[in-house]
N, C-alpha and C. Protein backbone atom coordinates (compact mmCIF):
# COMPACT_ATOMS: atom_id res chain seq x y z
N MET A 1 101.37 101.09 111.05
CA MET A 1 100.74 101.35 109.75
C MET A 1 99.67 102.29 109.83
N PHE A 2 98.81 102.27 110.82
CA PHE A 2 97.69 103.17 110.96
C PHE A 2 97.80 104.13 112.10
N LYS A 3 99.00 104.36 112.60
CA LYS A 3 99.18 105.24 113.77
C LYS A 3 98.67 106.66 113.53
N LYS A 4 99.03 107.24 112.38
CA LYS A 4 98.61 108.57 112.12
C LYS A 4 97.63 108.59 110.91
N PHE A 5 96.87 107.59 110.77
CA PHE A 5 95.94 107.45 109.58
C PHE A 5 94.75 108.38 109.80
N ASP A 6 94.51 109.16 108.76
CA ASP A 6 93.34 110.09 108.76
C ASP A 6 92.60 109.93 107.44
N TYR A 7 91.30 109.79 107.47
CA TYR A 7 90.50 109.65 106.32
C TYR A 7 90.69 110.68 105.27
N ASN A 8 90.71 111.94 105.65
CA ASN A 8 90.83 113.01 104.72
C ASN A 8 92.22 113.16 104.06
N GLU A 9 93.24 112.76 104.81
CA GLU A 9 94.60 112.91 104.27
C GLU A 9 95.15 111.68 103.56
N HIS A 10 94.80 110.53 104.00
CA HIS A 10 95.52 109.32 103.54
C HIS A 10 94.78 108.47 102.47
N ILE A 11 93.48 108.77 102.25
CA ILE A 11 92.75 107.97 101.25
C ILE A 11 92.79 108.69 99.90
N SER A 12 93.27 107.90 98.93
CA SER A 12 93.37 108.53 97.57
C SER A 12 92.25 108.21 96.65
N SER A 13 91.67 107.01 96.72
CA SER A 13 90.51 106.69 95.90
C SER A 13 89.74 105.53 96.46
N THR A 14 88.46 105.45 96.00
CA THR A 14 87.57 104.33 96.43
C THR A 14 86.99 103.75 95.13
N ASN A 15 87.13 102.41 95.01
CA ASN A 15 86.70 101.79 93.77
C ASN A 15 85.76 100.60 94.05
N GLN A 16 84.70 100.54 93.30
CA GLN A 16 83.76 99.38 93.37
C GLN A 16 84.47 98.14 92.80
N LEU A 17 84.30 97.01 93.41
CA LEU A 17 84.97 95.78 92.92
C LEU A 17 84.01 95.03 92.03
N LYS A 18 84.62 94.45 90.98
CA LYS A 18 83.87 93.59 90.04
C LYS A 18 83.66 92.26 90.77
N SER A 19 82.64 91.54 90.30
CA SER A 19 82.33 90.22 91.01
C SER A 19 83.49 89.23 90.90
N SER A 20 84.20 89.25 89.82
CA SER A 20 85.35 88.34 89.55
C SER A 20 86.48 88.68 90.57
N VAL A 21 86.71 89.95 90.81
CA VAL A 21 87.76 90.37 91.77
C VAL A 21 87.32 89.97 93.18
N GLN A 22 86.01 90.17 93.46
CA GLN A 22 85.48 89.77 94.79
C GLN A 22 85.68 88.26 95.02
N ARG A 23 85.45 87.42 94.01
CA ARG A 23 85.66 85.98 94.11
C ARG A 23 87.13 85.66 94.44
N GLN A 24 88.04 86.33 93.76
CA GLN A 24 89.42 86.15 93.93
C GLN A 24 89.84 86.47 95.40
N ILE A 25 89.32 87.60 95.92
CA ILE A 25 89.62 87.98 97.27
C ILE A 25 89.07 86.98 98.28
N ARG A 26 87.87 86.50 97.99
CA ARG A 26 87.26 85.49 98.88
C ARG A 26 88.13 84.26 98.98
N VAL A 27 88.60 83.80 97.81
CA VAL A 27 89.39 82.59 97.78
C VAL A 27 90.70 82.82 98.60
N LYS A 28 91.34 83.97 98.44
CA LYS A 28 92.55 84.28 99.20
C LYS A 28 92.27 84.28 100.63
N LEU A 29 91.16 84.89 101.11
CA LEU A 29 90.83 84.97 102.49
C LEU A 29 90.64 83.56 103.10
N ILE A 30 89.98 82.65 102.34
CA ILE A 30 89.71 81.37 102.85
C ILE A 30 91.05 80.53 102.92
N GLU A 31 91.96 80.77 101.93
CA GLU A 31 93.29 80.17 102.02
C GLU A 31 94.05 80.57 103.25
N GLN A 32 93.99 81.90 103.53
CA GLN A 32 94.72 82.42 104.68
C GLN A 32 94.10 82.09 106.00
N MET A 33 92.76 82.05 106.08
CA MET A 33 92.02 81.81 107.31
C MET A 33 90.98 80.72 107.09
N PRO A 34 91.39 79.48 107.05
CA PRO A 34 90.40 78.41 106.75
C PRO A 34 89.35 78.26 107.80
N LYS A 35 89.60 78.65 109.07
CA LYS A 35 88.56 78.52 110.10
C LYS A 35 87.45 79.52 109.88
N PHE A 36 87.65 80.49 109.04
CA PHE A 36 86.67 81.53 108.79
C PHE A 36 85.75 81.23 107.62
N GLU A 37 85.94 80.19 106.92
CA GLU A 37 85.22 79.90 105.68
C GLU A 37 83.70 79.80 105.96
N ASP A 38 83.27 79.17 107.06
CA ASP A 38 81.87 79.03 107.35
C ASP A 38 81.19 80.36 107.66
N TYR A 39 81.95 81.30 108.12
CA TYR A 39 81.35 82.60 108.56
C TYR A 39 81.51 83.70 107.53
N LEU A 40 82.30 83.50 106.45
CA LEU A 40 82.54 84.56 105.51
C LEU A 40 81.30 85.06 104.86
N LEU A 41 80.37 84.16 104.54
CA LEU A 41 79.13 84.65 103.93
C LEU A 41 78.23 85.45 104.89
N ASP A 42 78.38 85.20 106.17
CA ASP A 42 77.63 86.02 107.17
C ASP A 42 78.16 87.48 107.18
N VAL A 43 79.48 87.57 107.08
CA VAL A 43 80.10 88.91 107.14
C VAL A 43 80.06 89.58 105.81
N TRP A 44 80.25 88.80 104.78
CA TRP A 44 80.29 89.39 103.39
C TRP A 44 79.42 88.55 102.48
N PRO A 45 78.09 88.90 102.43
CA PRO A 45 77.15 88.13 101.58
C PRO A 45 77.55 88.28 100.11
N LYS A 46 77.15 87.33 99.28
CA LYS A 46 77.59 87.34 97.87
C LYS A 46 77.01 88.52 97.12
N LYS A 47 75.83 88.95 97.45
CA LYS A 47 75.19 90.01 96.69
C LYS A 47 75.57 91.42 97.30
N GLU A 48 76.30 91.44 98.33
CA GLU A 48 76.66 92.72 98.94
C GLU A 48 77.77 93.43 98.14
N ASN A 49 77.69 94.68 97.90
CA ASN A 49 78.66 95.45 97.19
C ASN A 49 79.90 95.55 98.05
N ALA A 50 81.04 95.45 97.40
CA ALA A 50 82.30 95.62 98.08
C ALA A 50 83.15 96.68 97.33
N LYS A 51 83.91 97.40 98.14
CA LYS A 51 84.76 98.47 97.60
C LYS A 51 86.13 98.27 98.13
N ILE A 52 87.08 98.76 97.36
CA ILE A 52 88.50 98.87 97.85
C ILE A 52 88.82 100.31 98.06
N ILE A 53 89.31 100.68 99.21
CA ILE A 53 89.81 102.00 99.49
C ILE A 53 91.29 101.98 99.33
N LYS A 54 91.80 102.74 98.44
CA LYS A 54 93.24 102.80 98.19
C LYS A 54 93.79 103.97 98.97
N CYS A 55 94.84 103.76 99.76
CA CYS A 55 95.41 104.73 100.61
C CYS A 55 96.89 104.94 100.28
N HIS A 56 97.50 105.89 100.86
CA HIS A 56 98.94 106.10 100.73
C HIS A 56 99.67 104.96 101.26
N GLU A 57 100.93 104.74 100.86
CA GLU A 57 101.81 103.60 101.25
C GLU A 57 101.31 102.30 100.75
N HIS A 58 100.53 102.31 99.70
CA HIS A 58 100.00 101.12 99.02
C HIS A 58 99.13 100.21 99.94
N ILE A 59 98.41 100.90 100.77
CA ILE A 59 97.50 100.17 101.68
C ILE A 59 96.08 100.09 100.99
N GLU A 60 95.46 98.94 101.04
CA GLU A 60 94.16 98.75 100.50
C GLU A 60 93.21 98.22 101.63
N ILE A 61 92.07 98.86 101.73
CA ILE A 61 91.09 98.46 102.81
C ILE A 61 89.86 97.96 102.09
N LEU A 62 89.42 96.72 102.42
CA LEU A 62 88.24 96.11 101.80
C LEU A 62 87.01 96.59 102.61
N LEU A 63 86.11 97.20 101.91
CA LEU A 63 84.92 97.79 102.56
C LEU A 63 83.71 96.96 102.02
N VAL A 64 82.93 96.41 102.96
CA VAL A 64 81.72 95.69 102.60
C VAL A 64 80.54 96.52 103.21
N GLY A 65 79.73 97.03 102.37
CA GLY A 65 78.70 97.98 102.83
C GLY A 65 79.45 99.22 103.24
N GLU A 66 79.27 99.54 104.55
CA GLU A 66 80.00 100.72 105.06
C GLU A 66 81.08 100.30 106.12
N THR A 67 81.33 98.98 106.14
CA THR A 67 82.25 98.41 107.16
C THR A 67 83.53 98.00 106.67
N PRO A 68 84.65 98.53 107.19
CA PRO A 68 85.97 98.01 106.81
C PRO A 68 86.17 96.64 107.42
N LEU A 69 86.44 95.62 106.67
CA LEU A 69 86.62 94.24 107.20
C LEU A 69 88.06 93.76 107.14
N PHE A 70 88.77 93.97 106.03
CA PHE A 70 90.12 93.49 105.86
C PHE A 70 90.96 94.62 105.28
N TYR A 71 92.31 94.46 105.39
CA TYR A 71 93.24 95.39 104.78
C TYR A 71 94.51 94.69 104.45
N LYS A 72 95.33 95.28 103.57
CA LYS A 72 96.58 94.75 103.22
C LYS A 72 97.48 95.85 102.71
N GLN A 73 98.74 95.60 102.67
CA GLN A 73 99.72 96.48 102.13
C GLN A 73 100.51 95.78 101.05
N ARG A 74 100.48 96.29 99.89
CA ARG A 74 101.17 95.68 98.72
C ARG A 74 100.78 94.25 98.52
N ASP A 75 101.80 93.39 98.60
CA ASP A 75 101.55 91.91 98.34
C ASP A 75 101.44 91.17 99.63
N SER A 76 101.21 91.79 100.75
CA SER A 76 101.13 91.12 102.09
C SER A 76 99.78 90.38 102.15
N PRO A 77 99.64 89.52 103.11
CA PRO A 77 98.39 88.82 103.24
C PRO A 77 97.29 89.79 103.74
N TRP A 78 96.06 89.34 103.59
CA TRP A 78 94.93 90.17 104.09
C TRP A 78 94.88 90.02 105.61
N PHE A 79 94.72 91.16 106.29
CA PHE A 79 94.59 91.15 107.77
C PHE A 79 93.12 91.54 108.10
N PRO A 80 92.49 90.86 109.03
CA PRO A 80 91.15 91.32 109.49
C PRO A 80 91.28 92.57 110.31
N THR A 81 90.32 93.37 110.35
CA THR A 81 90.29 94.53 111.25
C THR A 81 90.02 93.98 112.72
N LEU A 82 90.39 94.81 113.71
CA LEU A 82 90.22 94.35 115.02
C LEU A 82 88.69 94.21 115.35
N LYS A 83 87.87 95.03 114.84
CA LYS A 83 86.44 94.99 115.08
C LYS A 83 85.89 93.64 114.56
N LEU A 84 86.38 93.17 113.42
CA LEU A 84 85.99 91.82 112.91
C LEU A 84 86.59 90.72 113.77
N LEU A 85 87.81 90.89 114.21
CA LEU A 85 88.48 89.91 115.07
C LEU A 85 87.79 89.79 116.40
N HIS A 86 87.21 90.88 116.94
CA HIS A 86 86.47 90.84 118.17
C HIS A 86 85.17 89.97 118.02
N GLN A 87 84.52 90.04 116.85
CA GLN A 87 83.39 89.23 116.57
C GLN A 87 83.72 87.81 116.33
N TYR A 88 84.84 87.47 115.70
CA TYR A 88 85.26 86.11 115.39
C TYR A 88 86.70 85.95 115.87
N PRO A 89 86.90 85.74 117.16
CA PRO A 89 88.25 85.74 117.73
C PRO A 89 89.11 84.54 117.30
N PHE A 90 88.52 83.49 116.76
CA PHE A 90 89.21 82.27 116.31
C PHE A 90 89.86 82.42 114.94
N ILE A 91 89.64 83.51 114.25
CA ILE A 91 90.20 83.71 112.88
C ILE A 91 91.71 83.56 112.87
N LEU A 92 92.42 84.21 113.82
CA LEU A 92 93.84 84.23 113.83
C LEU A 92 94.38 83.48 115.00
N PRO A 93 95.66 82.97 114.90
CA PRO A 93 96.28 82.35 116.04
C PRO A 93 96.59 83.41 117.11
N ARG A 94 96.64 83.01 118.37
CA ARG A 94 96.72 83.96 119.49
C ARG A 94 98.06 83.94 120.11
N GLN A 95 98.57 85.19 120.38
CA GLN A 95 99.80 85.35 121.17
C GLN A 95 99.37 86.26 122.32
N GLN A 96 99.95 85.99 123.52
CA GLN A 96 99.62 86.83 124.68
C GLN A 96 100.84 87.49 125.21
N VAL A 97 100.66 88.81 125.50
CA VAL A 97 101.76 89.58 126.10
C VAL A 97 101.45 89.80 127.57
N ASP A 98 102.46 90.16 128.37
CA ASP A 98 102.29 90.37 129.80
C ASP A 98 101.72 91.81 129.99
N ARG A 99 101.28 92.08 131.21
CA ARG A 99 100.61 93.30 131.59
C ARG A 99 101.50 94.53 131.27
N GLY A 100 102.77 94.42 131.43
CA GLY A 100 103.66 95.55 131.23
C GLY A 100 103.73 96.03 129.80
N ALA A 101 103.36 95.22 128.87
CA ALA A 101 103.45 95.56 127.45
C ALA A 101 102.21 96.30 126.95
N ILE A 102 101.13 96.26 127.70
CA ILE A 102 99.85 96.75 127.26
C ILE A 102 99.90 98.22 126.83
N LYS A 103 100.40 99.07 127.68
CA LYS A 103 100.42 100.52 127.39
C LYS A 103 101.26 100.83 126.18
N PHE A 104 102.35 100.04 125.96
CA PHE A 104 103.21 100.27 124.80
C PHE A 104 102.54 99.77 123.50
N VAL A 105 101.86 98.66 123.55
CA VAL A 105 101.16 98.14 122.39
C VAL A 105 100.04 99.07 122.01
N LEU A 106 99.32 99.59 122.99
CA LEU A 106 98.20 100.51 122.68
C LEU A 106 98.68 101.83 122.14
N SER A 107 99.93 102.16 122.28
CA SER A 107 100.50 103.38 121.67
C SER A 107 101.15 103.07 120.34
N GLY A 108 101.09 101.87 119.84
CA GLY A 108 101.58 101.44 118.54
C GLY A 108 102.96 100.85 118.48
N ALA A 109 103.56 100.54 119.64
CA ALA A 109 104.85 99.96 119.61
C ALA A 109 104.85 98.50 119.19
N ASN A 110 105.92 98.04 118.59
CA ASN A 110 106.04 96.64 118.25
C ASN A 110 106.24 95.87 119.55
N ILE A 111 105.96 94.56 119.49
CA ILE A 111 105.99 93.77 120.67
C ILE A 111 107.43 93.14 120.72
N MET A 112 108.10 93.33 121.81
CA MET A 112 109.48 92.89 122.00
C MET A 112 109.42 91.47 122.56
N CYS A 113 110.50 90.77 122.31
CA CYS A 113 110.60 89.38 122.77
C CYS A 113 110.39 89.16 124.28
N PRO A 114 111.00 90.07 125.15
CA PRO A 114 110.79 89.83 126.56
C PRO A 114 109.26 89.97 126.98
N GLY A 115 108.47 90.67 126.29
CA GLY A 115 107.05 90.78 126.56
C GLY A 115 106.33 89.55 126.18
N LEU A 116 106.93 88.69 125.38
CA LEU A 116 106.29 87.40 124.98
C LEU A 116 106.84 86.27 125.76
N THR A 117 107.94 86.45 126.51
CA THR A 117 108.53 85.28 127.23
C THR A 117 108.44 85.46 128.70
N SER A 118 107.92 86.50 129.25
CA SER A 118 107.87 86.75 130.61
C SER A 118 106.76 85.91 131.32
N LYS A 119 106.55 86.06 132.62
CA LYS A 119 105.68 85.17 133.36
C LYS A 119 104.24 85.30 132.90
N GLY A 120 103.72 86.47 132.57
CA GLY A 120 102.31 86.66 132.28
C GLY A 120 101.96 86.39 130.80
N ALA A 121 103.02 86.22 130.00
CA ALA A 121 102.88 86.00 128.57
C ALA A 121 102.61 84.52 128.27
N ASP A 122 102.04 84.29 127.10
CA ASP A 122 101.85 82.91 126.59
C ASP A 122 102.23 82.85 125.13
N LEU A 123 103.34 82.26 124.85
CA LEU A 123 103.83 82.18 123.48
C LEU A 123 103.35 80.89 122.83
N ASN A 124 102.56 81.10 121.73
CA ASN A 124 101.93 80.02 120.98
C ASN A 124 102.95 79.36 120.11
N PRO A 125 103.39 78.10 120.40
CA PRO A 125 104.43 77.43 119.57
C PRO A 125 103.94 77.01 118.18
N ALA A 126 102.64 77.09 117.86
CA ALA A 126 102.12 76.64 116.62
C ALA A 126 102.33 77.68 115.53
N THR A 127 102.79 78.89 115.88
CA THR A 127 102.97 79.91 114.88
C THR A 127 104.46 79.97 114.39
N GLU A 128 104.62 80.51 113.20
CA GLU A 128 105.97 80.64 112.62
C GLU A 128 106.21 82.08 112.21
N ALA A 129 107.43 82.38 111.86
CA ALA A 129 107.76 83.72 111.34
C ALA A 129 106.95 84.02 110.15
N GLY A 130 106.38 85.22 110.04
CA GLY A 130 105.58 85.58 108.87
C GLY A 130 104.13 85.30 109.06
N THR A 131 103.70 84.74 110.19
CA THR A 131 102.27 84.47 110.51
C THR A 131 101.58 85.66 111.00
N VAL A 132 100.32 85.95 110.57
CA VAL A 132 99.51 86.99 111.10
C VAL A 132 98.92 86.48 112.38
N VAL A 133 99.06 87.27 113.48
CA VAL A 133 98.57 86.79 114.81
C VAL A 133 97.73 87.85 115.50
N ALA A 134 96.84 87.43 116.33
CA ALA A 134 96.09 88.32 117.24
C ALA A 134 96.86 88.44 118.52
N VAL A 135 97.05 89.69 118.95
CA VAL A 135 97.85 89.92 120.22
C VAL A 135 96.85 90.21 121.32
N HIS A 136 96.86 89.36 122.33
CA HIS A 136 96.05 89.50 123.49
C HIS A 136 96.85 89.93 124.67
N ALA A 137 96.18 90.55 125.62
CA ALA A 137 96.87 90.96 126.87
C ALA A 137 96.54 89.93 127.98
N GLU A 138 97.40 89.86 128.97
CA GLU A 138 97.21 88.99 130.10
C GLU A 138 95.90 89.28 130.78
N ASN A 139 95.08 88.24 130.97
CA ASN A 139 93.76 88.26 131.64
C ASN A 139 92.73 89.09 130.87
N LYS A 140 92.95 89.24 129.59
CA LYS A 140 91.89 90.02 128.73
C LYS A 140 91.42 89.00 127.69
N HIS A 141 90.15 89.17 127.28
CA HIS A 141 89.48 88.26 126.37
C HIS A 141 89.62 88.70 124.90
N LEU A 142 89.57 90.04 124.72
CA LEU A 142 89.62 90.58 123.31
C LEU A 142 91.02 90.98 122.93
N ALA A 143 91.30 90.86 121.65
CA ALA A 143 92.62 91.24 121.12
C ALA A 143 92.87 92.72 121.21
N LEU A 144 94.08 93.16 121.54
CA LEU A 144 94.37 94.56 121.56
C LEU A 144 95.22 95.00 120.36
N ALA A 145 95.68 94.06 119.56
CA ALA A 145 96.41 94.36 118.31
C ALA A 145 96.44 93.13 117.40
N ILE A 146 96.83 93.45 116.15
CA ILE A 146 97.08 92.46 115.14
C ILE A 146 98.53 92.67 114.69
N GLY A 147 99.26 91.62 114.58
CA GLY A 147 100.66 91.74 114.15
C GLY A 147 101.16 90.64 113.29
N LEU A 148 102.40 90.82 112.88
CA LEU A 148 103.05 89.82 112.03
C LEU A 148 104.29 89.35 112.75
N MET A 149 104.36 88.01 112.93
CA MET A 149 105.47 87.43 113.68
C MET A 149 106.80 87.65 112.87
N LYS A 150 107.78 88.22 113.55
CA LYS A 150 109.04 88.49 112.94
C LYS A 150 110.00 87.31 113.14
N MET A 151 109.80 86.54 114.19
CA MET A 151 110.64 85.39 114.55
C MET A 151 109.75 84.23 114.90
N SER A 152 110.25 83.03 114.81
CA SER A 152 109.52 81.88 115.24
C SER A 152 109.48 81.88 116.80
N PRO A 153 108.59 81.12 117.42
CA PRO A 153 108.60 81.06 118.87
C PRO A 153 109.85 80.49 119.53
N THR A 154 110.50 79.59 118.85
CA THR A 154 111.74 78.99 119.35
C THR A 154 112.88 80.02 119.27
N GLN A 155 112.87 80.88 118.20
CA GLN A 155 113.85 81.99 118.14
C GLN A 155 113.63 83.01 119.19
N ILE A 156 112.33 83.31 119.45
CA ILE A 156 111.99 84.36 120.45
C ILE A 156 112.47 83.89 121.84
N GLN A 157 112.24 82.67 122.15
CA GLN A 157 112.66 82.12 123.44
C GLN A 157 114.16 82.02 123.62
N SER A 158 114.90 81.74 122.51
CA SER A 158 116.31 81.55 122.64
C SER A 158 117.04 82.89 122.63
N VAL A 159 116.66 83.80 121.76
CA VAL A 159 117.23 85.17 121.61
C VAL A 159 116.78 86.10 122.72
N ASN A 160 115.45 86.20 122.94
CA ASN A 160 114.83 87.03 123.94
C ASN A 160 115.29 88.45 123.85
N LYS A 161 115.55 88.97 122.64
CA LYS A 161 115.94 90.36 122.38
C LYS A 161 115.30 90.76 121.10
N GLY A 162 115.03 92.04 120.97
CA GLY A 162 114.53 92.55 119.68
C GLY A 162 113.00 92.47 119.51
N ILE A 163 112.57 92.69 118.31
CA ILE A 163 111.16 92.67 118.01
C ILE A 163 110.67 91.28 117.69
N GLY A 164 109.65 90.84 118.42
CA GLY A 164 109.11 89.52 118.18
C GLY A 164 107.89 89.57 117.26
N ILE A 165 107.05 90.58 117.45
CA ILE A 165 105.86 90.75 116.60
C ILE A 165 105.82 92.20 116.11
N ASP A 166 105.67 92.39 114.81
CA ASP A 166 105.54 93.71 114.27
C ASP A 166 104.11 94.11 114.32
N THR A 167 103.75 95.15 115.09
CA THR A 167 102.37 95.61 115.23
C THR A 167 101.86 96.28 114.05
N ILE A 168 100.72 95.80 113.49
CA ILE A 168 100.22 96.39 112.29
C ILE A 168 99.02 97.27 112.54
N HIS A 169 98.08 96.83 113.42
CA HIS A 169 96.84 97.46 113.76
C HIS A 169 96.55 97.28 115.23
N TYR A 170 96.17 98.26 115.90
CA TYR A 170 95.90 98.24 117.33
C TYR A 170 94.70 99.04 117.76
N LEU A 171 94.20 98.83 118.94
CA LEU A 171 93.00 99.57 119.40
C LEU A 171 93.28 101.06 119.38
N ASN A 172 92.30 101.82 118.92
CA ASN A 172 92.27 103.26 118.89
C ASN A 172 93.29 103.85 117.91
N ASP A 173 93.71 103.11 116.91
CA ASP A 173 94.54 103.73 115.85
C ASP A 173 93.58 104.33 114.79
N GLY A 174 94.16 104.77 113.68
CA GLY A 174 93.35 105.40 112.66
C GLY A 174 92.34 104.51 111.96
N LEU A 175 92.67 103.23 111.77
CA LEU A 175 91.74 102.25 111.14
C LEU A 175 90.59 101.99 112.16
N TRP A 176 90.90 101.89 113.43
CA TRP A 176 89.82 101.61 114.45
C TRP A 176 88.81 102.73 114.42
N HIS A 177 89.22 103.98 114.18
CA HIS A 177 88.26 105.12 114.16
C HIS A 177 87.80 105.46 112.77
N LEU A 178 88.07 104.67 111.73
CA LEU A 178 87.74 105.00 110.41
C LEU A 178 86.17 105.02 110.29
N ARG A 179 85.68 106.12 109.81
CA ARG A 179 84.26 106.30 109.53
C ARG A 179 84.08 106.61 108.07
N ILE A 180 83.31 105.86 107.31
CA ILE A 180 83.14 106.04 105.90
C ILE A 180 82.01 107.05 105.70
N LYS A 181 82.30 108.09 104.92
CA LYS A 181 81.33 109.15 104.76
C LYS A 181 80.53 108.95 103.47
């Protein structure tokens, strides 16, 4: 989604959010990430101005102050940015890939089923298809990507072919380097 994202080319408008819209977004975020409810006011104080950056391909980035915190595409769920996920790693369920998948994930590739079922990987059985997950690498503490589960863990183990997690945002992509001017 953000592989070739550039501020000057892909952003079409920036809009200040009304307080009623901000409340609606807060409610959706708490529904999607209930563990984050106690920390949401630390990251996004009630009196802080929030903006939506509208980009090509129907992508919306939620900006609080000068910091991008969440993003979504069309009617998809809100995803936290990796920088926010590094501060609050418990927001999303965790999936772990083996060492061999690291260089491919960091170049924007989707996570294949064998990378989730091999020896160094750790497949979280508590997730289902359609769940937003944090993708961690073997022996690393911080997430290297955020993705959307395409199959359930039981399907991934039984099929062991194809895409297991659709990579949405990863380290050093366009959103990671986004600087608001």
